[in-house]
């Protein structure tokens, strides 16, 4: 299946998402910070990135903007998965280059459906 990269500072959230993704047959990598995640995504070139917004240091909006504006990573879809649920957050995420926005806790079926849609586009 696909290589999915998770950028999230919550070990619990990474464990839950990894479980969903691996059960569906995906290969999963992760990084606990936006800065580290950007570096690893540039090297690994995954098929899709799942990005948290609220992280220490660089936030997910900034990281998504960097990935979407870098020619080497701009074709990799970013799905924002966050506790932030305001419509303005969703709009801002999409303006930064995210292809989808989902609110935690995310349902397994919904997440996998969104990933399938983005990877088959």
N, C-alpha and C. Protein backbone atom coordinates (compact mmCIF):
# COMPACT_ATOMS: atom_id res chain seq x y z
N UNK A 1 0.85 -1.19 0.00
CA UNK A 1 0.00 0.00 0.00
C UNK A 1 0.89 1.25 0.00
N UNK A 2 0.42 2.29 0.68
CA UNK A 2 1.12 3.58 0.65
C UNK A 2 2.03 3.76 1.86
N UNK A 3 2.98 4.69 1.71
CA UNK A 3 3.83 5.11 2.82
C UNK A 3 3.22 6.40 3.36
N UNK A 4 2.75 6.36 4.61
CA UNK A 4 2.11 7.50 5.26
C UNK A 4 3.05 8.01 6.35
N UNK A 5 3.26 9.33 6.38
CA UNK A 5 4.14 9.95 7.37
C UNK A 5 3.30 10.78 8.33
N UNK A 6 3.42 10.53 9.63
CA UNK A 6 2.67 11.26 10.67
C UNK A 6 3.60 12.25 11.35
N UNK A 7 3.17 13.51 11.42
CA UNK A 7 3.91 14.53 12.17
C UNK A 7 2.98 14.98 13.29
N UNK A 8 3.29 14.52 14.51
CA UNK A 8 2.44 14.80 15.68
C UNK A 8 3.30 14.62 16.92
N UNK A 9 3.16 15.55 17.88
CA UNK A 9 3.97 15.48 19.09
C UNK A 9 3.36 14.58 20.17
N UNK A 10 2.18 14.02 19.93
CA UNK A 10 1.53 13.16 20.92
C UNK A 10 1.82 11.69 20.61
N UNK A 11 2.62 11.01 21.46
CA UNK A 11 2.91 9.59 21.22
C UNK A 11 1.62 8.75 21.18
N UNK A 12 0.64 9.11 21.98
CA UNK A 12 -0.63 8.37 22.00
C UNK A 12 -1.33 8.51 20.66
N UNK A 13 -1.41 9.71 20.14
CA UNK A 13 -2.07 9.93 18.86
C UNK A 13 -1.33 9.21 17.73
N UNK A 14 -0.01 9.26 17.76
CA UNK A 14 0.78 8.56 16.74
C UNK A 14 0.50 7.07 16.80
N UNK A 15 0.41 6.53 18.01
CA UNK A 15 0.16 5.08 18.19
C UNK A 15 -1.22 4.71 17.64
N UNK A 16 -2.24 5.52 17.93
CA UNK A 16 -3.60 5.24 17.45
C UNK A 16 -3.65 5.31 15.92
N UNK A 17 -3.12 6.39 15.35
CA UNK A 17 -3.14 6.54 13.89
C UNK A 17 -2.33 5.45 13.21
N UNK A 18 -1.18 5.11 13.78
CA UNK A 18 -0.35 4.05 13.21
C UNK A 18 -1.12 2.73 13.20
N UNK A 19 -1.85 2.45 14.27
CA UNK A 19 -2.65 1.23 14.32
C UNK A 19 -3.68 1.17 13.20
N UNK A 20 -4.41 2.28 12.99
CA UNK A 20 -5.40 2.35 11.90
C UNK A 20 -4.73 2.08 10.56
N UNK A 21 -3.63 2.77 10.33
CA UNK A 21 -2.97 2.73 9.02
C UNK A 21 -2.32 1.38 8.74
N UNK A 22 -1.64 0.83 9.73
CA UNK A 22 -0.98 -0.47 9.52
C UNK A 22 -2.00 -1.58 9.32
N UNK A 23 -3.12 -1.50 10.04
CA UNK A 23 -4.18 -2.50 9.88
C UNK A 23 -4.72 -2.47 8.45
N UNK A 24 -4.70 -1.29 7.82
CA UNK A 24 -5.17 -1.13 6.44
C UNK A 24 -4.07 -1.47 5.43
N UNK A 25 -2.88 -1.86 5.91
CA UNK A 25 -1.81 -2.28 5.02
C UNK A 25 -0.81 -1.20 4.64
N UNK A 26 -0.92 -0.02 5.25
CA UNK A 26 0.01 1.06 4.93
C UNK A 26 1.30 0.93 5.74
N UNK A 27 2.38 1.46 5.19
CA UNK A 27 3.66 1.59 5.91
C UNK A 27 3.66 2.96 6.56
N UNK A 28 4.05 3.04 7.82
CA UNK A 28 3.95 4.29 8.58
C UNK A 28 5.31 4.70 9.15
N UNK A 29 5.62 5.99 9.02
CA UNK A 29 6.77 6.61 9.67
C UNK A 29 6.23 7.82 10.42
N UNK A 30 7.01 8.32 11.39
CA UNK A 30 6.53 9.49 12.13
C UNK A 30 7.68 10.32 12.66
N UNK A 31 7.33 11.55 13.02
CA UNK A 31 8.27 12.47 13.66
C UNK A 31 7.50 13.25 14.72
N UNK A 32 8.15 13.57 15.86
CA UNK A 32 7.47 14.24 16.95
C UNK A 32 7.44 15.77 16.86
N UNK A 33 8.05 16.33 15.82
CA UNK A 33 8.05 17.79 15.68
C UNK A 33 7.95 18.16 14.20
N UNK A 34 7.46 19.36 13.95
CA UNK A 34 7.33 19.82 12.57
C UNK A 34 8.68 19.93 11.89
N UNK A 35 9.66 20.46 12.60
CA UNK A 35 10.98 20.64 12.02
C UNK A 35 11.58 19.30 11.59
N UNK A 36 11.54 18.33 12.49
CA UNK A 36 12.08 17.00 12.20
C UNK A 36 11.25 16.33 11.09
N UNK A 37 9.94 16.51 11.15
CA UNK A 37 9.06 15.92 10.15
C UNK A 37 9.34 16.44 8.75
N UNK A 38 9.53 17.74 8.61
CA UNK A 38 9.84 18.32 7.30
C UNK A 38 11.12 17.71 6.73
N UNK A 39 12.15 17.62 7.57
CA UNK A 39 13.42 17.04 7.11
C UNK A 39 13.23 15.59 6.65
N UNK A 40 12.50 14.82 7.43
CA UNK A 40 12.31 13.40 7.10
C UNK A 40 11.42 13.23 5.87
N UNK A 41 10.40 14.07 5.72
CA UNK A 41 9.52 13.99 4.54
C UNK A 41 10.33 14.32 3.28
N UNK A 42 11.19 15.30 3.37
CA UNK A 42 12.03 15.64 2.21
C UNK A 42 12.91 14.46 1.78
N UNK A 43 13.40 13.70 2.76
CA UNK A 43 14.26 12.55 2.46
C UNK A 43 13.45 11.33 2.03
N UNK A 44 12.38 11.03 2.75
CA UNK A 44 11.64 9.78 2.53
C UNK A 44 10.62 9.85 1.39
N UNK A 45 10.14 11.05 1.07
CA UNK A 45 9.14 11.23 0.02
C UNK A 45 7.95 10.26 0.18
N UNK A 46 7.23 10.36 1.31
CA UNK A 46 6.08 9.47 1.51
C UNK A 46 4.95 9.80 0.52
N UNK A 47 3.95 8.94 0.49
CA UNK A 47 2.81 9.16 -0.40
C UNK A 47 1.83 10.19 0.16
N UNK A 48 1.81 10.35 1.50
CA UNK A 48 0.87 11.27 2.15
C UNK A 48 1.41 11.62 3.53
N UNK A 49 1.08 12.82 4.01
CA UNK A 49 1.48 13.27 5.35
C UNK A 49 0.23 13.56 6.16
N UNK A 50 0.21 13.06 7.41
CA UNK A 50 -0.82 13.43 8.38
C UNK A 50 -0.15 14.41 9.33
N UNK A 51 -0.73 15.61 9.46
CA UNK A 51 -0.09 16.70 10.19
C UNK A 51 -0.99 17.20 11.33
N UNK A 52 -0.43 17.26 12.53
CA UNK A 52 -1.09 17.92 13.66
C UNK A 52 -0.86 19.42 13.50
N UNK A 53 -1.66 20.24 14.16
CA UNK A 53 -1.44 21.68 14.10
C UNK A 53 -0.68 22.17 15.32
N UNK A 54 -1.14 21.80 16.50
CA UNK A 54 -0.57 22.35 17.73
C UNK A 54 0.62 21.50 18.17
N UNK A 55 1.82 22.06 17.96
CA UNK A 55 3.06 21.39 18.36
C UNK A 55 4.03 22.45 18.87
N UNK A 56 4.95 22.07 19.75
CA UNK A 56 5.95 23.04 20.19
C UNK A 56 6.85 23.44 19.03
N UNK A 57 7.36 24.66 19.08
CA UNK A 57 8.19 25.15 17.98
C UNK A 57 7.30 25.49 16.79
N UNK A 58 7.68 25.01 15.64
CA UNK A 58 6.91 25.27 14.42
C UNK A 58 5.57 24.54 14.50
N UNK A 59 4.49 25.24 14.13
CA UNK A 59 3.18 24.58 14.16
C UNK A 59 2.87 23.90 12.82
N UNK A 60 1.79 23.17 12.80
CA UNK A 60 1.41 22.42 11.60
C UNK A 60 1.06 23.29 10.41
N UNK A 61 0.51 24.48 10.66
CA UNK A 61 0.22 25.40 9.56
C UNK A 61 1.52 25.78 8.85
N UNK A 62 2.52 26.17 9.65
CA UNK A 62 3.81 26.58 9.08
C UNK A 62 4.49 25.43 8.35
N UNK A 63 4.43 24.23 8.93
CA UNK A 63 5.06 23.07 8.30
C UNK A 63 4.36 22.71 6.99
N UNK A 64 3.05 22.77 6.99
CA UNK A 64 2.29 22.46 5.77
C UNK A 64 2.62 23.47 4.68
N UNK A 65 2.72 24.74 5.05
CA UNK A 65 3.09 25.77 4.08
C UNK A 65 4.46 25.48 3.48
N UNK A 66 5.43 25.09 4.33
CA UNK A 66 6.78 24.78 3.82
C UNK A 66 6.74 23.60 2.86
N UNK A 67 6.03 22.54 3.23
CA UNK A 67 5.97 21.36 2.37
C UNK A 67 5.27 21.66 1.05
N UNK A 68 4.19 22.43 1.11
CA UNK A 68 3.41 22.70 -0.11
C UNK A 68 4.11 23.68 -1.05
N UNK A 69 5.06 24.46 -0.53
CA UNK A 69 5.77 25.43 -1.37
C UNK A 69 7.13 24.93 -1.85
N UNK A 70 7.54 23.77 -1.37
CA UNK A 70 8.82 23.19 -1.76
C UNK A 70 8.57 22.28 -2.97
N UNK A 71 9.26 22.53 -4.07
CA UNK A 71 9.05 21.74 -5.29
C UNK A 71 9.26 20.25 -5.05
N UNK A 72 10.13 19.89 -4.13
CA UNK A 72 10.43 18.48 -3.86
C UNK A 72 9.29 17.77 -3.12
N UNK A 73 8.44 18.53 -2.41
CA UNK A 73 7.39 17.91 -1.59
C UNK A 73 5.99 18.42 -1.90
N UNK A 74 5.86 19.33 -2.81
CA UNK A 74 4.54 19.96 -3.06
C UNK A 74 3.49 18.99 -3.58
N UNK A 75 3.88 17.89 -4.19
CA UNK A 75 2.90 16.93 -4.71
C UNK A 75 2.42 15.94 -3.64
N UNK A 76 3.02 15.98 -2.46
CA UNK A 76 2.62 15.07 -1.37
C UNK A 76 1.43 15.67 -0.65
N UNK A 77 0.26 15.00 -0.68
CA UNK A 77 -0.90 15.57 0.01
C UNK A 77 -0.73 15.57 1.52
N UNK A 78 -1.20 16.65 2.15
CA UNK A 78 -1.16 16.79 3.61
C UNK A 78 -2.59 16.77 4.13
N UNK A 79 -2.84 15.91 5.12
CA UNK A 79 -4.12 15.85 5.81
C UNK A 79 -3.89 16.39 7.21
N UNK A 80 -4.56 17.49 7.54
CA UNK A 80 -4.45 18.03 8.90
C UNK A 80 -5.41 17.24 9.79
N UNK A 81 -4.89 16.70 10.89
CA UNK A 81 -5.69 15.99 11.88
C UNK A 81 -5.40 16.66 13.21
N UNK A 82 -6.40 17.37 13.76
CA UNK A 82 -6.16 18.26 14.88
C UNK A 82 -7.34 18.35 15.82
N UNK A 83 -7.09 18.87 17.01
CA UNK A 83 -8.17 19.14 17.96
C UNK A 83 -8.85 20.47 17.64
N UNK A 84 -8.23 21.29 16.82
CA UNK A 84 -8.80 22.59 16.46
C UNK A 84 -9.99 22.35 15.53
N UNK A 85 -11.14 22.90 15.91
CA UNK A 85 -12.35 22.57 15.16
C UNK A 85 -13.08 23.78 14.58
N UNK A 86 -12.49 24.94 14.65
CA UNK A 86 -13.14 26.13 14.10
C UNK A 86 -13.06 26.12 12.58
N UNK A 87 -14.07 26.65 11.95
CA UNK A 87 -14.10 26.74 10.49
C UNK A 87 -12.91 27.56 9.98
N UNK A 88 -12.52 28.59 10.73
CA UNK A 88 -11.38 29.41 10.31
C UNK A 88 -10.09 28.59 10.29
N UNK A 89 -9.95 27.63 11.21
CA UNK A 89 -8.78 26.75 11.21
C UNK A 89 -8.76 25.89 9.95
N UNK A 90 -9.91 25.35 9.57
CA UNK A 90 -10.01 24.52 8.37
C UNK A 90 -9.64 25.34 7.13
N UNK A 91 -10.20 26.53 7.04
CA UNK A 91 -9.92 27.39 5.89
C UNK A 91 -8.43 27.75 5.84
N UNK A 92 -7.85 28.09 6.99
CA UNK A 92 -6.44 28.45 7.03
C UNK A 92 -5.56 27.26 6.65
N UNK A 93 -5.92 26.07 7.12
CA UNK A 93 -5.16 24.86 6.79
C UNK A 93 -5.16 24.64 5.28
N UNK A 94 -6.31 24.78 4.65
CA UNK A 94 -6.40 24.58 3.20
C UNK A 94 -5.61 25.66 2.46
N UNK A 95 -5.61 26.87 2.98
CA UNK A 95 -4.83 27.94 2.34
C UNK A 95 -3.32 27.70 2.45
N UNK A 96 -2.92 26.95 3.46
CA UNK A 96 -1.49 26.66 3.63
C UNK A 96 -1.06 25.49 2.74
N UNK A 97 -2.02 24.82 2.12
CA UNK A 97 -1.69 23.73 1.22
C UNK A 97 -2.23 22.37 1.61
N UNK A 98 -2.90 22.28 2.76
CA UNK A 98 -3.49 20.99 3.15
C UNK A 98 -4.57 20.59 2.16
N UNK A 99 -4.69 19.30 1.91
CA UNK A 99 -5.71 18.78 0.99
C UNK A 99 -6.96 18.34 1.72
N UNK A 100 -6.87 18.16 3.05
CA UNK A 100 -8.02 17.75 3.86
C UNK A 100 -7.79 18.20 5.29
N UNK A 101 -8.88 18.32 6.04
CA UNK A 101 -8.85 18.78 7.43
C UNK A 101 -9.80 17.90 8.22
N UNK A 102 -9.31 17.24 9.26
CA UNK A 102 -10.12 16.36 10.09
C UNK A 102 -9.89 16.70 11.55
N UNK A 103 -10.98 16.59 12.36
CA UNK A 103 -10.90 16.92 13.77
C UNK A 103 -10.74 15.65 14.61
N UNK A 104 -9.81 15.71 15.58
CA UNK A 104 -9.60 14.61 16.52
C UNK A 104 -10.75 14.57 17.52
N UNK A 105 -11.13 13.41 18.01
CA UNK A 105 -10.62 12.11 17.60
C UNK A 105 -11.21 11.72 16.25
N UNK A 106 -10.37 11.29 15.36
CA UNK A 106 -10.79 10.96 14.00
C UNK A 106 -11.24 9.50 13.96
N UNK A 107 -12.32 9.25 13.23
CA UNK A 107 -12.82 7.89 13.08
C UNK A 107 -11.95 7.15 12.06
N UNK A 108 -11.64 5.90 12.36
CA UNK A 108 -10.77 5.10 11.50
C UNK A 108 -11.30 5.04 10.06
N UNK A 109 -12.57 4.74 9.90
CA UNK A 109 -13.15 4.60 8.56
C UNK A 109 -13.09 5.92 7.79
N UNK A 110 -13.35 7.01 8.47
CA UNK A 110 -13.32 8.34 7.84
C UNK A 110 -11.90 8.69 7.40
N UNK A 111 -10.92 8.44 8.27
CA UNK A 111 -9.53 8.73 7.93
C UNK A 111 -9.07 7.90 6.74
N UNK A 112 -9.33 6.60 6.78
CA UNK A 112 -8.89 5.73 5.69
C UNK A 112 -9.59 6.08 4.38
N UNK A 113 -10.85 6.48 4.45
CA UNK A 113 -11.57 6.90 3.26
C UNK A 113 -10.96 8.16 2.66
N UNK A 114 -10.61 9.11 3.51
CA UNK A 114 -9.99 10.35 3.05
C UNK A 114 -8.64 10.07 2.40
N UNK A 115 -7.85 9.20 3.02
CA UNK A 115 -6.55 8.84 2.48
C UNK A 115 -6.71 8.16 1.12
N UNK A 116 -7.64 7.22 1.04
CA UNK A 116 -7.88 6.53 -0.24
C UNK A 116 -8.27 7.52 -1.33
N UNK A 117 -9.15 8.46 -0.98
CA UNK A 117 -9.59 9.47 -1.96
C UNK A 117 -8.41 10.29 -2.47
N UNK A 118 -7.54 10.74 -1.56
CA UNK A 118 -6.41 11.57 -1.94
C UNK A 118 -5.36 10.80 -2.75
N UNK A 119 -5.14 9.55 -2.39
CA UNK A 119 -4.12 8.76 -3.09
C UNK A 119 -4.59 8.28 -4.45
N UNK A 120 -5.90 8.22 -4.65
CA UNK A 120 -6.40 7.78 -5.95
C UNK A 120 -6.69 8.95 -6.88
N UNK A 121 -6.54 10.17 -6.38
CA UNK A 121 -6.82 11.36 -7.21
C UNK A 121 -5.76 11.58 -8.26
